[in-house]
Amino acid sequence: MAAAIHQTKRTQEAEKQLALQREHYRNLNDSINTAKIIRHDLHHHLVTCLEFLKKSNPDAAEHYLSQLCNTFEETTISKVCSNQSADALICHYLKLAKQQEIAVNTDLYLPEDLEIDDQDLCVILGNCLDNAIEACMKLPDKQLRKINLKATISKGHLIINIENTFNGLVRHEGGRLYPLKVAVITASDCPASKH
């Protein structure tokens, strides 16, 4: 019975991960198509700015270029790491964070061939990022909303460090405070590790 429940949960997680990857690839495809259109129109944009400058109107040229730069930023979908599953999941959360006006800094080394099952990795990252975004959203001052996400491999261990701002309320557990979440994971910690 327990094995069937575990398998059902893993199947549900795999379906969620597949849906996130599909969304990520759709967004990437949309971004590529938008970039093609913008590149095609670049000549027109340059001519417009040149005319503003020829007519001694640098403010109009600056405003036009600023709007153009914002268009490029909105259409950029970046790749944050080499692990495809983690990349799709993290990009999803980056999009959510941006919608909530949360600044996110990433420093990620997550190679494709991790010794940890992709589903386990995504559950861990997803839970941590959910918690970080939830904590940041409780801050009324949007300028203070920040998340730092780091991941690396050290001595055969995957180390995930997520720091986020929060409203100052901390959880006490076992006489400890938990404002900072750090996870150290080894392949043996995960029941479905790749071997």
C-alpha atoms as a PDB file:
ATOM      1  CA  MET A   1       0.000   0.000   0.000  1.00  0.00           C
ATOM      2  CA  ALA A   2       2.770   2.443   0.974  1.00  0.00           C
ATOM      3  CA  ALA A   3       4.644   1.626  -2.244  1.00  0.00           C
ATOM      4  CA  ALA A   4       1.513   2.374  -4.307  1.00  0.00           C
ATOM      5  CA  ILE A   5       1.017   5.717  -2.541  1.00  0.00           C
ATOM      6  CA  HIS A   6       4.696   6.588  -3.067  1.00  0.00           C
ATOM      7  CA  GLN A   7       4.433   5.661  -6.762  1.00  0.00           C
ATOM      8  CA  THR A   8       1.261   7.738  -7.175  1.00  0.00           C
ATOM      9  CA  LYS A   9       2.968  10.726  -5.567  1.00  0.00           C
ATOM     10  CA  ARG A  10       6.034  10.320  -7.824  1.00  0.00           C
ATOM     11  CA  THR A  11       3.768  10.076 -10.878  1.00  0.00           C
ATOM     12  CA  GLN A  12       1.980  13.286  -9.850  1.00  0.00           C
ATOM     13  CA  GLU A  13       5.324  15.034  -9.337  1.00  0.00           C
ATOM     14  CA  ALA A  14       6.503  13.820 -12.752  1.00  0.00           C
ATOM     15  CA  GLU A  15       3.335  15.176 -14.356  1.00  0.00           C
ATOM     16  CA  LYS A  16       3.840  18.554 -12.638  1.00  0.00           C
ATOM     17  CA  GLN A  17       7.457  18.632 -13.813  1.00  0.00           C
ATOM     18  CA  LEU A  18       6.452  17.770 -17.369  1.00  0.00           C
ATOM     19  CA  ALA A  19       3.837  20.545 -17.339  1.00  0.00           C
ATOM     20  CA  LEU A  20       6.453  23.037 -16.095  1.00  0.00           C
ATOM     21  CA  GLN A  21       8.894  21.963 -18.801  1.00  0.00           C
ATOM     22  CA  ARG A  22       6.198  22.344 -21.469  1.00  0.00           C
ATOM     23  CA  GLU A  23       5.378  25.838 -20.169  1.00  0.00           C
ATOM     24  CA  HIS A  24       9.088  26.723 -20.104  1.00  0.00           C
ATOM     25  CA  TYR A  25       9.585  25.575 -23.703  1.00  0.00           C
ATOM     26  CA  ARG A  26       6.438  27.438 -24.837  1.00  0.00           C
ATOM     27  CA  ASN A  27       7.755  30.595 -23.191  1.00  0.00           C
ATOM     28  CA  LEU A  28      11.152  30.042 -24.773  1.00  0.00           C
ATOM     29  CA  ASN A  29       9.577  29.566 -28.202  1.00  0.00           C
ATOM     30  CA  ASP A  30       7.479  32.727 -27.743  1.00  0.00           C
ATOM     31  CA  SER A  31      10.613  34.599 -26.711  1.00  0.00           C
ATOM     32  CA  ILE A  32      12.474  33.415 -29.811  1.00  0.00           C
ATOM     33  CA  ASN A  33       9.613  34.466 -32.095  1.00  0.00           C
ATOM     34  CA  THR A  34       9.381  37.881 -30.431  1.00  0.00           C
ATOM     35  CA  ALA A  35      13.142  38.356 -30.766  1.00  0.00           C
ATOM     36  CA  LYS A  36      12.898  37.570 -34.491  1.00  0.00           C
ATOM     37  CA  ILE A  37      10.218  40.228 -34.918  1.00  0.00           C
ATOM     38  CA  ILE A  38      12.221  42.778 -32.939  1.00  0.00           C
ATOM     39  CA  ARG A  39      15.383  42.027 -34.919  1.00  0.00           C
ATOM     40  CA  HIS A  40      13.418  42.464 -38.139  1.00  0.00           C
ATOM     41  CA  ASP A  41      12.166  45.850 -36.926  1.00  0.00           C
ATOM     42  CA  LEU A  42      15.557  47.000 -35.620  1.00  0.00           C
ATOM     43  CA  HIS A  43      16.286  49.049 -38.758  1.00  0.00           C
ATOM     44  CA  HIS A  44      13.097  51.051 -38.224  1.00  0.00           C
ATOM     45  CA  HIS A  45      13.962  51.657 -34.577  1.00  0.00           C
ATOM     46  CA  LEU A  46      17.453  52.884 -35.451  1.00  0.00           C
ATOM     47  CA  VAL A  47      16.129  55.221 -38.138  1.00  0.00           C
ATOM     48  CA  THR A  48      13.605  56.667 -35.673  1.00  0.00           C
ATOM     49  CA  CYS A  49      16.318  57.338 -33.061  1.00  0.00           C
ATOM     50  CA  LEU A  50      18.629  58.828 -35.684  1.00  0.00           C
ATOM     51  CA  GLU A  51      15.883  61.240 -36.766  1.00  0.00           C
ATOM     52  CA  PHE A  52      15.272  62.299 -33.150  1.00  0.00           C
ATOM     53  CA  LEU A  53      18.990  63.043 -32.795  1.00  0.00           C
ATOM     54  CA  LYS A  54      19.191  64.884 -36.129  1.00  0.00           C
ATOM     55  CA  LYS A  55      16.325  67.101 -34.949  1.00  0.00           C
ATOM     56  CA  SER A  56      18.214  67.817 -31.703  1.00  0.00           C
ATOM     57  CA  ASN A  57      15.703  65.931 -29.598  1.00  0.00           C
ATOM     58  CA  PRO A  58      17.854  63.611 -27.435  1.00  0.00           C
ATOM     59  CA  ASP A  59      15.104  63.302 -24.793  1.00  0.00           C
ATOM     60  CA  ALA A  60      12.766  61.712 -27.322  1.00  0.00           C
ATOM     61  CA  ALA A  61      15.558  59.392 -28.512  1.00  0.00           C
ATOM     62  CA  GLU A  62      16.343  58.399 -24.920  1.00  0.00           C
ATOM     63  CA  HIS A  63      12.663  57.732 -24.161  1.00  0.00           C
ATOM     64  CA  TYR A  64      12.270  55.687 -27.344  1.00  0.00           C
ATOM     65  CA  LEU A  65      15.410  53.624 -26.598  1.00  0.00           C
ATOM     66  CA  SER A  66      14.289  53.097 -23.005  1.00  0.00           C
ATOM     67  CA  GLN A  67      10.967  51.666 -24.192  1.00  0.00           C
ATOM     68  CA  LEU A  68      12.796  49.485 -26.706  1.00  0.00           C
ATOM     69  CA  CYS A  69      15.143  48.149 -24.014  1.00  0.00           C
ATOM     70  CA  ASN A  70      12.159  47.308 -21.800  1.00  0.00           C
ATOM     71  CA  THR A  71      10.653  45.356 -24.681  1.00  0.00           C
ATOM     72  CA  PHE A  72      13.858  43.319 -25.004  1.00  0.00           C
ATOM     73  CA  GLU A  73      13.980  42.642 -21.257  1.00  0.00           C
ATOM     74  CA  GLU A  74      10.366  41.449 -21.175  1.00  0.00           C
ATOM     75  CA  THR A  75      10.963  38.945 -23.970  1.00  0.00           C
ATOM     76  CA  THR A  76      14.149  37.427 -22.584  1.00  0.00           C
ATOM     77  CA  ILE A  77      13.868  33.956 -21.110  1.00  0.00           C
ATOM     78  CA  SER A  78      17.200  32.980 -19.687  1.00  0.00           C
ATOM     79  CA  LYS A  79      18.621  29.597 -18.965  1.00  0.00           C
ATOM     80  CA  VAL A  80      19.651  29.480 -15.317  1.00  0.00           C
ATOM     81  CA  CYS A  81      21.340  26.059 -15.150  1.00  0.00           C
ATOM     82  CA  SER A  82      22.248  23.006 -17.220  1.00  0.00           C
ATOM     83  CA  ASN A  83      19.833  20.626 -15.497  1.00  0.00           C
ATOM     84  CA  GLN A  84      16.725  20.806 -17.691  1.00  0.00           C
ATOM     85  CA  SER A  85      14.231  19.884 -14.984  1.00  0.00           C
ATOM     86  CA  ALA A  86      15.643  22.326 -12.446  1.00  0.00           C
ATOM     87  CA  ASP A  87      15.929  25.016 -15.145  1.00  0.00           C
ATOM     88  CA  ALA A  88      12.247  24.713 -16.076  1.00  0.00           C
ATOM     89  CA  LEU A  89      11.164  24.795 -12.432  1.00  0.00           C
ATOM     90  CA  ILE A  90      13.417  27.698 -11.435  1.00  0.00           C
ATOM     91  CA  CYS A  91      12.379  29.741 -14.496  1.00  0.00           C
ATOM     92  CA  HIS A  92       8.750  29.184 -13.476  1.00  0.00           C
ATOM     93  CA  TYR A  93       9.468  30.548  -9.997  1.00  0.00           C
ATOM     94  CA  LEU A  94      11.507  33.448 -11.405  1.00  0.00           C
ATOM     95  CA  LYS A  95       8.442  34.405 -13.423  1.00  0.00           C
ATOM     96  CA  LEU A  96       6.225  34.188 -10.313  1.00  0.00           C
ATOM     97  CA  ALA A  97       8.717  36.249  -8.312  1.00  0.00           C
ATOM     98  CA  LYS A  98       8.820  38.911 -11.020  1.00  0.00           C
ATOM     99  CA  GLN A  99       5.016  39.106 -10.993  1.00  0.00           C
ATOM    100  CA  GLN A 100       5.176  39.740  -7.227  1.00  0.00           C
ATOM    101  CA  GLU A 101       7.968  42.330  -7.679  1.00  0.00           C
ATOM    102  CA  ILE A 102      10.534  40.189  -5.865  1.00  0.00           C
ATOM    103  CA  ALA A 103      14.173  40.681  -6.891  1.00  0.00           C
ATOM    104  CA  VAL A 104      15.907  37.329  -7.366  1.00  0.00           C
ATOM    105  CA  ASN A 105      19.647  36.743  -7.673  1.00  0.00           C
ATOM    106  CA  THR A 106      20.846  33.326  -8.768  1.00  0.00           C
ATOM    107  CA  ASP A 107      24.243  31.645  -8.709  1.00  0.00           C
ATOM    108  CA  LEU A 108      23.569  28.090  -9.801  1.00  0.00           C
ATOM    109  CA  TYR A 109      25.717  25.138 -10.674  1.00  0.00           C
ATOM    110  CA  LEU A 110      23.241  22.354 -11.368  1.00  0.00           C
ATOM    111  CA  PRO A 111      24.665  20.087 -14.085  1.00  0.00           C
ATOM    112  CA  GLU A 112      22.499  17.772 -16.165  1.00  0.00           C
ATOM    113  CA  ASP A 113      23.991  14.617 -14.630  1.00  0.00           C
ATOM    114  CA  LEU A 114      23.285  15.087 -10.929  1.00  0.00           C
ATOM    115  CA  GLU A 115      23.271  11.986  -8.767  1.00  0.00           C
ATOM    116  CA  ILE A 116      19.892  13.026  -7.391  1.00  0.00           C
ATOM    117  CA  ASP A 117      16.627  12.120  -9.054  1.00  0.00           C
ATOM    118  CA  ASP A 118      15.179  15.090 -10.962  1.00  0.00           C
ATOM    119  CA  GLN A 119      11.802  14.699  -9.262  1.00  0.00           C
ATOM    120  CA  ASP A 120      13.357  14.810  -5.793  1.00  0.00           C
ATOM    121  CA  LEU A 121      15.436  17.839  -6.765  1.00  0.00           C
ATOM    122  CA  CYS A 122      12.378  19.660  -8.103  1.00  0.00           C
ATOM    123  CA  VAL A 123      10.292  18.895  -5.014  1.00  0.00           C
ATOM    124  CA  ILE A 124      13.049  20.311  -2.797  1.00  0.00           C
ATOM    125  CA  LEU A 125      13.613  23.403  -4.955  1.00  0.00           C
ATOM    126  CA  GLY A 126       9.892  23.959  -5.458  1.00  0.00           C
ATOM    127  CA  ASN A 127       9.120  23.801  -1.741  1.00  0.00           C
ATOM    128  CA  CYS A 128      12.004  26.127  -0.872  1.00  0.00           C
ATOM    129  CA  LEU A 129      11.100  28.658  -3.570  1.00  0.00           C
ATOM    130  CA  ASP A 130       7.399  28.509  -2.611  1.00  0.00           C
ATOM    131  CA  ASN A 131       8.347  29.323   0.980  1.00  0.00           C
ATOM    132  CA  ALA A 132      10.751  32.113  -0.032  1.00  0.00           C
ATOM    133  CA  ILE A 133       8.200  33.780  -2.317  1.00  0.00           C
ATOM    134  CA  GLU A 134       5.470  33.438   0.312  1.00  0.00           C
ATOM    135  CA  ALA A 135       7.715  35.060   2.939  1.00  0.00           C
ATOM    136  CA  CYS A 136       8.662  37.933   0.621  1.00  0.00           C
ATOM    137  CA  MET A 137       5.033  38.599  -0.303  1.00  0.00           C
ATOM    138  CA  LYS A 138       4.277  39.315   3.363  1.00  0.00           C
ATOM    139  CA  LEU A 139       6.485  42.398   3.119  1.00  0.00           C
ATOM    140  CA  PRO A 140       4.362  45.448   2.290  1.00  0.00           C
ATOM    141  CA  ASP A 141       7.411  47.374   1.007  1.00  0.00           C
ATOM    142  CA  LYS A 142       8.104  45.788  -2.392  1.00  0.00           C
ATOM    143  CA  GLN A 143      11.593  47.351  -2.456  1.00  0.00           C
ATOM    144  CA  LEU A 144      12.584  44.985   0.361  1.00  0.00           C
ATOM    145  CA  ARG A 145      11.473  41.787  -1.391  1.00  0.00           C
ATOM    146  CA  LYS A 146      14.619  39.807  -2.277  1.00  0.00           C
ATOM    147  CA  ILE A 147      15.631  36.185  -2.802  1.00  0.00           C
ATOM    148  CA  ASN A 148      19.169  34.865  -3.256  1.00  0.00           C
ATOM    149  CA  LEU A 149      19.328  31.351  -4.672  1.00  0.00           C
ATOM    150  CA  LYS A 150      22.629  29.491  -4.827  1.00  0.00           C
ATOM    151  CA  ALA A 151      23.362  25.872  -5.649  1.00  0.00           C
ATOM    152  CA  THR A 152      26.661  24.068  -6.067  1.00  0.00           C
ATOM    153  CA  ILE A 153      28.329  20.706  -5.658  1.00  0.00           C
ATOM    154  CA  SER A 154      30.897  20.399  -2.857  1.00  0.00           C
ATOM    155  CA  LYS A 155      32.652  17.169  -1.928  1.00  0.00           C
ATOM    156  CA  GLY A 156      29.972  15.103  -3.649  1.00  0.00           C
ATOM    157  CA  HIS A 157      27.099  16.927  -1.949  1.00  0.00           C
ATOM    158  CA  LEU A 158      24.549  19.189  -3.563  1.00  0.00           C
ATOM    159  CA  ILE A 159      24.295  22.356  -1.510  1.00  0.00           C
ATOM    160  CA  ILE A 160      21.266  24.595  -1.997  1.00  0.00           C
ATOM    161  CA  ASN A 161      21.234  27.926  -0.197  1.00  0.00           C
ATOM    162  CA  ILE A 162      18.156  30.118  -0.357  1.00  0.00           C
ATOM    163  CA  GLU A 163      18.074  33.433   1.482  1.00  0.00           C
ATOM    164  CA  ASN A 164      15.056  35.685   1.448  1.00  0.00           C
ATOM    165  CA  THR A 165      13.799  38.774   3.156  1.00  0.00           C
ATOM    166  CA  PHE A 166      10.810  38.344   5.443  1.00  0.00           C
ATOM    167  CA  ASN A 167       8.635  40.297   7.852  1.00  0.00           C
ATOM    168  CA  GLY A 168      10.814  39.571  10.891  1.00  0.00           C
ATOM    169  CA  LEU A 169       8.639  36.849  12.297  1.00  0.00           C
ATOM    170  CA  VAL A 170      10.660  33.655  12.707  1.00  0.00           C
ATOM    171  CA  ARG A 171       9.804  30.098  13.483  1.00  0.00           C
ATOM    172  CA  HIS A 172      11.222  28.639  16.700  1.00  0.00           C
ATOM    173  CA  GLU A 173      11.871  24.936  16.561  1.00  0.00           C
ATOM    174  CA  GLY A 174      13.997  22.987  18.999  1.00  0.00           C
ATOM    175  CA  GLY A 175      15.330  26.208  20.486  1.00  0.00           C
ATOM    176  CA  ARG A 176      16.513  27.461  17.075  1.00  0.00           C
ATOM    177  CA  LEU A 177      15.436  30.239  14.747  1.00  0.00           C
ATOM    178  CA  TYR A 178      14.852  29.472  11.072  1.00  0.00           C
ATOM    179  CA  PRO A 179      15.021  32.661   8.951  1.00  0.00           C
ATOM    180  CA  LEU A 180      17.538  31.143   6.487  1.00  0.00           C
ATOM    181  CA  LYS A 181      16.972  27.856   4.690  1.00  0.00           C
ATOM    182  CA  VAL A 182      19.962  25.713   3.769  1.00  0.00           C
ATOM    183  CA  ALA A 183      19.709  22.216   2.372  1.00  0.00           C
ATOM    184  CA  VAL A 184      22.539  19.720   2.038  1.00  0.00           C
ATOM    185  CA  ILE A 185      21.512  16.699   0.029  1.00  0.00           C
ATOM    186  CA  THR A 186      23.384  13.559  -0.933  1.00  0.00           C
ATOM    187  CA  ALA A 187      22.270  10.878  -3.348  1.00  0.00           C
ATOM    188  CA  SER A 188      21.752   8.447  -0.457  1.00  0.00           C
ATOM    189  CA  ASP A 189      19.227  10.860   1.128  1.00  0.00           C
ATOM    190  CA  CYS A 190      16.811  10.404  -1.783  1.00  0.00           C
ATOM    191  CA  PRO A 191      14.926   7.114  -2.107  1.00  0.00           C
ATOM    192  CA  ALA A 192      14.888   7.130  -5.928  1.00  0.00           C
ATOM    193  CA  SER A 193      18.443   8.297  -6.558  1.00  0.00           C
ATOM    194  CA  LYS A 194      20.103   7.591  -9.855  1.00  0.00           C
ATOM    195  CA  HIS A 195      22.911   5.046  -9.630  1.00  0.00           C
END
